[in-house]
């Protein structure tokens, strides 16, 4: 499992998550930040610093948030 950055990031793009990630798995895309699901170690450090609560565990995604996992997978070339 990995964490997924959802819609609130699109308006904020604060970037604190990048600074605290111990495995450097978060990258800035055109409209938001993305977490590489292959590199994420599920430590949760990013969740606690996100000012807009945009980061959710993959298995806790609501149906309307699932496209954000797909966007991350596309961003990192998985699909």
PDB file of N, CA and C in Angstrom:
ATOM      1  N   UNK A   1       0.831  -1.185   0.000  1.00  0.00           N
ATOM      2  CA  UNK A   1       0.000   0.000   0.000  1.00  0.00           C
ATOM      3  C   UNK A   1       0.878   1.253   0.000  1.00  0.00           C
ATOM      4  N   UNK A   2       0.288   2.317  -0.458  1.00  0.00           N
ATOM      5  CA  UNK A   2       0.991   3.590  -0.497  1.00  0.00           C
ATOM      6  C   UNK A   2       0.008   4.696  -0.163  1.00  0.00           C
ATOM      7  N   UNK A   3       0.532   5.863   0.073  1.00  0.00           N
ATOM      8  CA  UNK A   3      -0.308   7.027   0.280  1.00  0.00           C
ATOM      9  C   UNK A   3      -0.579   7.684  -1.068  1.00  0.00           C
ATOM     10  N   UNK A   4      -1.696   8.398  -1.148  1.00  0.00           N
ATOM     11  CA  UNK A   4      -2.115   9.057  -2.382  1.00  0.00           C
ATOM     12  C   UNK A   4      -2.436  10.505  -2.057  1.00  0.00           C
ATOM     13  N   UNK A   5      -1.990  11.402  -2.918  1.00  0.00           N
ATOM     14  CA  UNK A   5      -2.291  12.825  -2.744  1.00  0.00           C
ATOM     15  C   UNK A   5      -3.523  13.139  -3.576  1.00  0.00           C
ATOM     16  N   UNK A   6      -4.518  13.743  -2.933  1.00  0.00           N
ATOM     17  CA  UNK A   6      -5.814  13.968  -3.569  1.00  0.00           C
ATOM     18  C   UNK A   6      -6.063  15.440  -3.899  1.00  0.00           C
ATOM     19  N   UNK A   7      -7.278  15.750  -4.292  1.00  0.00           N
ATOM     20  CA  UNK A   7      -7.685  17.042  -4.832  1.00  0.00           C
ATOM     21  C   UNK A   7      -7.264  18.276  -4.033  1.00  0.00           C
ATOM     22  N   UNK A   8      -7.319  18.284  -2.711  1.00  0.00           N
ATOM     23  CA  UNK A   8      -6.951  19.522  -2.006  1.00  0.00           C
ATOM     24  C   UNK A   8      -5.540  20.030  -2.342  1.00  0.00           C
ATOM     25  N   UNK A   9      -4.665  19.153  -2.761  1.00  0.00           N
ATOM     26  CA  UNK A   9      -3.308  19.572  -3.119  1.00  0.00           C
ATOM     27  C   UNK A   9      -3.305  20.476  -4.348  1.00  0.00           C
ATOM     28  N   UNK A  10      -4.254  20.289  -5.228  1.00  0.00           N
ATOM     29  CA  UNK A  10      -4.276  21.073  -6.460  1.00  0.00           C
ATOM     30  C   UNK A  10      -4.378  22.561  -6.197  1.00  0.00           C
ATOM     31  N   UNK A  11      -5.060  22.947  -5.164  1.00  0.00           N
ATOM     32  CA  UNK A  11      -5.184  24.357  -4.845  1.00  0.00           C
ATOM     33  C   UNK A  11      -4.072  24.877  -3.955  1.00  0.00           C
ATOM     34  N   UNK A  12      -3.398  23.992  -3.239  1.00  0.00           N
ATOM     35  CA  UNK A  12      -2.420  24.395  -2.236  1.00  0.00           C
ATOM     36  C   UNK A  12      -0.974  24.231  -2.710  1.00  0.00           C
ATOM     37  N   UNK A  13      -0.603  23.013  -3.063  1.00  0.00           N
ATOM     38  CA  UNK A  13       0.758  22.671  -3.486  1.00  0.00           C
ATOM     39  C   UNK A  13       1.811  23.243  -2.541  1.00  0.00           C
ATOM     40  N   UNK A  14       1.639  22.997  -1.263  1.00  0.00           N
ATOM     41  CA  UNK A  14       2.531  23.560  -0.255  1.00  0.00           C
ATOM     42  C   UNK A  14       3.925  22.937  -0.296  1.00  0.00           C
ATOM     43  N   UNK A  15       4.022  21.639  -0.454  1.00  0.00           N
ATOM     44  CA  UNK A  15       5.321  20.987  -0.596  1.00  0.00           C
ATOM     45  C   UNK A  15       6.011  20.531   0.668  1.00  0.00           C
ATOM     46  N   UNK A  16       5.392  20.728   1.829  1.00  0.00           N
ATOM     47  CA  UNK A  16       6.014  20.249   3.061  1.00  0.00           C
ATOM     48  C   UNK A  16       6.248  18.741   3.019  1.00  0.00           C
ATOM     49  N   UNK A  17       5.375  18.039   2.308  1.00  0.00           N
ATOM     50  CA  UNK A  17       5.478  16.580   2.206  1.00  0.00           C
ATOM     51  C   UNK A  17       6.803  16.151   1.581  1.00  0.00           C
ATOM     52  N   UNK A  18       7.269  16.902   0.612  1.00  0.00           N
ATOM     53  CA  UNK A  18       8.530  16.578  -0.057  1.00  0.00           C
ATOM     54  C   UNK A  18       9.689  16.647   0.931  1.00  0.00           C
ATOM     55  N   UNK A  19       9.679  17.658   1.770  1.00  0.00           N
ATOM     56  CA  UNK A  19      10.769  17.880   2.719  1.00  0.00           C
ATOM     57  C   UNK A  19      10.876  16.792   3.777  1.00  0.00           C
ATOM     58  N   UNK A  20       9.744  16.194   4.172  1.00  0.00           N
ATOM     59  CA  UNK A  20       9.788  15.213   5.260  1.00  0.00           C
ATOM     60  C   UNK A  20       9.873  13.763   4.790  1.00  0.00           C
ATOM     61  N   UNK A  21       9.700  13.511   3.510  1.00  0.00           N
ATOM     62  CA  UNK A  21       9.699  12.131   3.014  1.00  0.00           C
ATOM     63  C   UNK A  21      11.104  11.532   3.109  1.00  0.00           C
ATOM     64  N   UNK A  22      11.259  10.441   3.880  1.00  0.00           N
ATOM     65  CA  UNK A  22      12.590   9.858   4.070  1.00  0.00           C
ATOM     66  C   UNK A  22      13.115   9.087   2.863  1.00  0.00           C
ATOM     67  N   UNK A  23      12.240   8.777   1.902  1.00  0.00           N
ATOM     68  CA  UNK A  23      12.678   8.014   0.729  1.00  0.00           C
ATOM     69  C   UNK A  23      12.539   8.805  -0.571  1.00  0.00           C
ATOM     70  N   UNK A  24      12.287  10.086  -0.471  1.00  0.00           N
ATOM     71  CA  UNK A  24      12.167  10.966  -1.641  1.00  0.00           C
ATOM     72  C   UNK A  24      11.237  10.418  -2.718  1.00  0.00           C
ATOM     73  N   UNK A  25      10.054  10.000  -2.317  1.00  0.00           N
ATOM     74  CA  UNK A  25       9.120   9.420  -3.286  1.00  0.00           C
ATOM     75  C   UNK A  25       8.050  10.398  -3.751  1.00  0.00           C
ATOM     76  N   UNK A  26       8.139  11.659  -3.343  1.00  0.00           N
ATOM     77  CA  UNK A  26       7.121  12.649  -3.703  1.00  0.00           C
ATOM     78  C   UNK A  26       7.721  13.644  -4.690  1.00  0.00           C
ATOM     79  N   UNK A  27       7.012  13.824  -5.809  1.00  0.00           N
ATOM     80  CA  UNK A  27       7.473  14.741  -6.852  1.00  0.00           C
ATOM     81  C   UNK A  27       6.351  15.685  -7.239  1.00  0.00           C
ATOM     82  N   UNK A  28       6.747  16.881  -7.677  1.00  0.00           N
ATOM     83  CA  UNK A  28       5.761  17.863  -8.109  1.00  0.00           C
ATOM     84  C   UNK A  28       5.424  17.630  -9.570  1.00  0.00           C
ATOM     85  N   UNK A  29       4.125  17.542  -9.832  1.00  0.00           N
ATOM     86  CA  UNK A  29       3.632  17.454 -11.192  1.00  0.00           C
ATOM     87  C   UNK A  29       3.137  18.811 -11.642  1.00  0.00           C
ATOM     88  N   UNK A  30       2.452  18.828 -12.771  1.00  0.00           N
ATOM     89  CA  UNK A  30       1.968  20.084 -13.315  1.00  0.00           C
ATOM     90  C   UNK A  30       0.911  20.749 -12.433  1.00  0.00           C
ATOM     91  N   UNK A  31       0.034  19.928 -11.843  1.00  0.00           N
ATOM     92  CA  UNK A  31      -1.071  20.504 -11.083  1.00  0.00           C
ATOM     93  C   UNK A  31      -1.107  20.121  -9.610  1.00  0.00           C
ATOM     94  N   UNK A  32      -0.235  19.192  -9.197  1.00  0.00           N
ATOM     95  CA  UNK A  32      -0.204  18.767  -7.806  1.00  0.00           C
ATOM     96  C   UNK A  32       1.042  17.927  -7.565  1.00  0.00           C
ATOM     97  N   UNK A  33       1.243  17.535  -6.307  1.00  0.00           N
ATOM     98  CA  UNK A  33       2.325  16.612  -5.972  1.00  0.00           C
ATOM     99  C   UNK A  33       1.812  15.182  -6.107  1.00  0.00           C
ATOM    100  N   UNK A  34       2.754  14.257  -6.371  1.00  0.00           N
ATOM    101  CA  UNK A  34       2.406  12.849  -6.514  1.00  0.00           C
ATOM    102  C   UNK A  34       3.363  11.997  -5.695  1.00  0.00           C
ATOM    103  N   UNK A  35       2.828  10.887  -5.159  1.00  0.00           N
ATOM    104  CA  UNK A  35       3.630   9.931  -4.402  1.00  0.00           C
ATOM    105  C   UNK A  35       3.855   8.709  -5.271  1.00  0.00           C
ATOM    106  N   UNK A  36       5.114   8.316  -5.436  1.00  0.00           N
ATOM    107  CA  UNK A  36       5.441   7.124  -6.210  1.00  0.00           C
ATOM    108  C   UNK A  36       5.050   5.897  -5.383  1.00  0.00           C
ATOM    109  N   UNK A  37       4.054   5.137  -5.839  1.00  0.00           N
ATOM    110  CA  UNK A  37       3.583   3.999  -5.041  1.00  0.00           C
ATOM    111  C   UNK A  37       4.616   2.882  -4.909  1.00  0.00           C
ATOM    112  N   UNK A  38       5.594   2.835  -5.804  1.00  0.00           N
ATOM    113  CA  UNK A  38       6.641   1.808  -5.721  1.00  0.00           C
ATOM    114  C   UNK A  38       7.690   2.133  -4.663  1.00  0.00           C
ATOM    115  N   UNK A  39       7.849   3.406  -4.361  1.00  0.00           N
ATOM    116  CA  UNK A  39       8.889   3.821  -3.414  1.00  0.00           C
ATOM    117  C   UNK A  39       8.359   4.142  -2.018  1.00  0.00           C
ATOM    118  N   UNK A  40       7.079   4.454  -1.917  1.00  0.00           N
ATOM    119  CA  UNK A  40       6.481   4.833  -0.633  1.00  0.00           C
ATOM    120  C   UNK A  40       6.604   3.680   0.364  1.00  0.00           C
ATOM    121  N   UNK A  41       7.074   4.009   1.572  1.00  0.00           N
ATOM    122  CA  UNK A  41       7.243   2.984   2.619  1.00  0.00           C
ATOM    123  C   UNK A  41       6.152   3.083   3.684  1.00  0.00           C
ATOM    124  N   UNK A  42       5.113   3.840   3.415  1.00  0.00           N
ATOM    125  CA  UNK A  42       3.966   3.967   4.313  1.00  0.00           C
ATOM    126  C   UNK A  42       4.323   4.479   5.706  1.00  0.00           C
ATOM    127  N   UNK A  43       5.281   5.372   5.788  1.00  0.00           N
ATOM    128  CA  UNK A  43       5.684   5.876   7.102  1.00  0.00           C
ATOM    129  C   UNK A  43       4.697   6.904   7.649  1.00  0.00           C
ATOM    130  N   UNK A  44       3.975   7.603   6.764  1.00  0.00           N
ATOM    131  CA  UNK A  44       2.988   8.578   7.197  1.00  0.00           C
ATOM    132  C   UNK A  44       3.529   9.947   7.542  1.00  0.00           C
ATOM    133  N   UNK A  45       4.816  10.174   7.361  1.00  0.00           N
ATOM    134  CA  UNK A  45       5.392  11.483   7.689  1.00  0.00           C
ATOM    135  C   UNK A  45       4.728  12.598   6.886  1.00  0.00           C
ATOM    136  N   UNK A  46       4.401  12.324   5.651  1.00  0.00           N
ATOM    137  CA  UNK A  46       3.789  13.325   4.782  1.00  0.00           C
ATOM    138  C   UNK A  46       2.389  13.721   5.255  1.00  0.00           C
ATOM    139  N   UNK A  47       1.668  12.766   5.786  1.00  0.00           N
ATOM    140  CA  UNK A  47       0.289  13.011   6.222  1.00  0.00           C
ATOM    141  C   UNK A  47       0.245  14.075   7.307  1.00  0.00           C
ATOM    142  N   UNK A  48       1.141  13.979   8.256  1.00  0.00           N
ATOM    143  CA  UNK A  48       1.097  14.887   9.402  1.00  0.00           C
ATOM    144  C   UNK A  48       1.481  16.324   9.069  1.00  0.00           C
ATOM    145  N   UNK A  49       2.182  16.548   7.958  1.00  0.00           N
ATOM    146  CA  UNK A  49       2.593  17.921   7.626  1.00  0.00           C
ATOM    147  C   UNK A  49       1.750  18.571   6.539  1.00  0.00           C
ATOM    148  N   UNK A  50       0.861  17.826   5.911  1.00  0.00           N
ATOM    149  CA  UNK A  50       0.040  18.398   4.836  1.00  0.00           C
ATOM    150  C   UNK A  50      -0.961  19.394   5.421  1.00  0.00           C
ATOM    151  N   UNK A  51      -0.882  20.663   5.012  1.00  0.00           N
ATOM    152  CA  UNK A  51      -1.763  21.678   5.601  1.00  0.00           C
ATOM    153  C   UNK A  51      -3.221  21.578   5.143  1.00  0.00           C
ATOM    154  N   UNK A  52      -3.493  20.788   4.102  1.00  0.00           N
ATOM    155  CA  UNK A  52      -4.862  20.689   3.594  1.00  0.00           C
ATOM    156  C   UNK A  52      -5.423  19.265   3.654  1.00  0.00           C
ATOM    157  N   UNK A  53      -4.755  18.391   4.388  1.00  0.00           N
ATOM    158  CA  UNK A  53      -5.206  17.001   4.555  1.00  0.00           C
ATOM    159  C   UNK A  53      -5.494  16.321   3.217  1.00  0.00           C
ATOM    160  N   UNK A  54      -4.582  16.490   2.269  1.00  0.00           N
ATOM    161  CA  UNK A  54      -4.763  15.927   0.927  1.00  0.00           C
ATOM    162  C   UNK A  54      -4.223  14.509   0.790  1.00  0.00           C
ATOM    163  N   UNK A  55      -3.522  14.003   1.799  1.00  0.00           N
ATOM    164  CA  UNK A  55      -2.840  12.717   1.673  1.00  0.00           C
ATOM    165  C   UNK A  55      -3.619  11.639   2.416  1.00  0.00           C
ATOM    166  N   UNK A  56      -3.947  10.567   1.666  1.00  0.00           N
ATOM    167  CA  UNK A  56      -4.801   9.501   2.173  1.00  0.00           C
ATOM    168  C   UNK A  56      -4.131   8.159   1.878  1.00  0.00           C
ATOM    169  N   UNK A  57      -4.310   7.201   2.780  1.00  0.00           N
ATOM    170  CA  UNK A  57      -3.812   5.859   2.498  1.00  0.00           C
ATOM    171  C   UNK A  57      -4.629   5.264   1.360  1.00  0.00           C
ATOM    172  N   UNK A  58      -3.946   4.534   0.504  1.00  0.00           N
ATOM    173  CA  UNK A  58      -4.578   3.979  -0.690  1.00  0.00           C
ATOM    174  C   UNK A  58      -5.855   3.206  -0.369  1.00  0.00           C
ATOM    175  N   UNK A  59      -5.832   2.385   0.662  1.00  0.00           N
ATOM    176  CA  UNK A  59      -7.001   1.568   0.983  1.00  0.00           C
ATOM    177  C   UNK A  59      -8.129   2.366   1.631  1.00  0.00           C
ATOM    178  N   UNK A  60      -7.878   3.623   1.983  1.00  0.00           N
ATOM    179  CA  UNK A  60      -8.916   4.475   2.572  1.00  0.00           C
ATOM    180  C   UNK A  60      -9.508   5.465   1.573  1.00  0.00           C
ATOM    181  N   UNK A  61      -9.109   5.364   0.302  1.00  0.00           N
ATOM    182  CA  UNK A  61      -9.624   6.276  -0.710  1.00  0.00           C
ATOM    183  C   UNK A  61     -11.130   6.110  -0.863  1.00  0.00           C
ATOM    184  N   UNK A  62     -11.815   7.221  -0.955  1.00  0.00           N
ATOM    185  CA  UNK A  62     -13.238   7.207  -1.270  1.00  0.00           C
ATOM    186  C   UNK A  62     -13.354   6.971  -2.784  1.00  0.00           C
ATOM    187  N   UNK A  63     -14.477   6.448  -3.252  1.00  0.00           N
ATOM    188  CA  UNK A  63     -14.608   6.195  -4.694  1.00  0.00           C
ATOM    189  C   UNK A  63     -14.297   7.410  -5.560  1.00  0.00           C
ATOM    190  N   UNK A  64     -14.689   8.591  -5.110  1.00  0.00           N
ATOM    191  CA  UNK A  64     -14.422   9.803  -5.901  1.00  0.00           C
ATOM    192  C   UNK A  64     -12.947  10.209  -5.872  1.00  0.00           C
ATOM    193  N   UNK A  65     -12.150   9.620  -4.960  1.00  0.00           N
ATOM    194  CA  UNK A  65     -10.723   9.938  -4.877  1.00  0.00           C
ATOM    195  C   UNK A  65      -9.849   8.952  -5.653  1.00  0.00           C
ATOM    196  N   UNK A  66     -10.422   7.825  -6.082  1.00  0.00           N
ATOM    197  CA  UNK A  66      -9.643   6.805  -6.770  1.00  0.00           C
ATOM    198  C   UNK A  66      -8.933   7.300  -8.029  1.00  0.00           C
ATOM    199  N   UNK A  67      -9.489   8.255  -8.767  1.00  0.00           N
ATOM    200  CA  UNK A  67      -8.753   8.766  -9.935  1.00  0.00           C
ATOM    201  C   UNK A  67      -7.388   9.372  -9.580  1.00  0.00           C
ATOM    202  N   UNK A  68      -7.199   9.796  -8.334  1.00  0.00           N
ATOM    203  CA  UNK A  68      -5.912  10.382  -7.944  1.00  0.00           C
ATOM    204  C   UNK A  68      -4.822   9.326  -7.843  1.00  0.00           C
ATOM    205  N   UNK A  69      -5.178   8.103  -7.492  1.00  0.00           N
ATOM    206  CA  UNK A  69      -4.217   7.005  -7.520  1.00  0.00           C
ATOM    207  C   UNK A  69      -3.826   6.716  -8.960  1.00  0.00           C
ATOM    208  N   UNK A  70      -4.802   6.704  -9.838  1.00  0.00           N
ATOM    209  CA  UNK A  70      -4.540   6.472 -11.260  1.00  0.00           C
ATOM    210  C   UNK A  70      -3.649   7.582 -11.840  1.00  0.00           C
ATOM    211  N   UNK A  71      -3.909   8.826 -11.434  1.00  0.00           N
ATOM    212  CA  UNK A  71      -3.073   9.943 -11.899  1.00  0.00           C
ATOM    213  C   UNK A  71      -1.623   9.762 -11.450  1.00  0.00           C
ATOM    214  N   UNK A  72      -1.426   9.310 -10.216  1.00  0.00           N
ATOM    215  CA  UNK A  72      -0.065   9.095  -9.707  1.00  0.00           C
ATOM    216  C   UNK A  72       0.609   7.968 -10.478  1.00  0.00           C
ATOM    217  N   UNK A  73      -0.136   6.894 -10.732  1.00  0.00           N
ATOM    218  CA  UNK A  73       0.444   5.778 -11.487  1.00  0.00           C
ATOM    219  C   UNK A  73       0.821   6.212 -12.898  1.00  0.00           C
ATOM    220  N   UNK A  74       0.002   7.029 -13.538  1.00  0.00           N
ATOM    221  CA  UNK A  74       0.334   7.555 -14.871  1.00  0.00           C
ATOM    222  C   UNK A  74       1.561   8.466 -14.795  1.00  0.00           C
ATOM    223  N   UNK A  75       1.602   9.308 -13.776  1.00  0.00           N
ATOM    224  CA  UNK A  75       2.711  10.251 -13.620  1.00  0.00           C
ATOM    225  C   UNK A  75       4.055   9.512 -13.525  1.00  0.00           C
ATOM    226  N   UNK A  76       4.054   8.396 -12.817  1.00  0.00           N
ATOM    227  CA  UNK A  76       5.288   7.629 -12.644  1.00  0.00           C
ATOM    228  C   UNK A  76       5.456   6.522 -13.687  1.00  0.00           C
ATOM    229  N   UNK A  77       4.584   6.527 -14.721  1.00  0.00           N
ATOM    230  CA  UNK A  77       4.733   5.609 -15.839  1.00  0.00           C
ATOM    231  C   UNK A  77       4.312   4.184 -15.579  1.00  0.00           C
ATOM    232  N   UNK A  78       3.396   3.980 -14.655  1.00  0.00           N
ATOM    233  CA  UNK A  78       2.951   2.621 -14.344  1.00  0.00           C
ATOM    234  C   UNK A  78       1.810   2.152 -15.221  1.00  0.00           C
ATOM    235  N   UNK A  79       1.090   3.089 -15.819  1.00  0.00           N
ATOM    236  CA  UNK A  79       0.000   2.693 -16.722  1.00  0.00           C
ATOM    237  C   UNK A  79      -0.015   3.606 -17.929  1.00  0.00           C
TER     238      UNK A  79
END
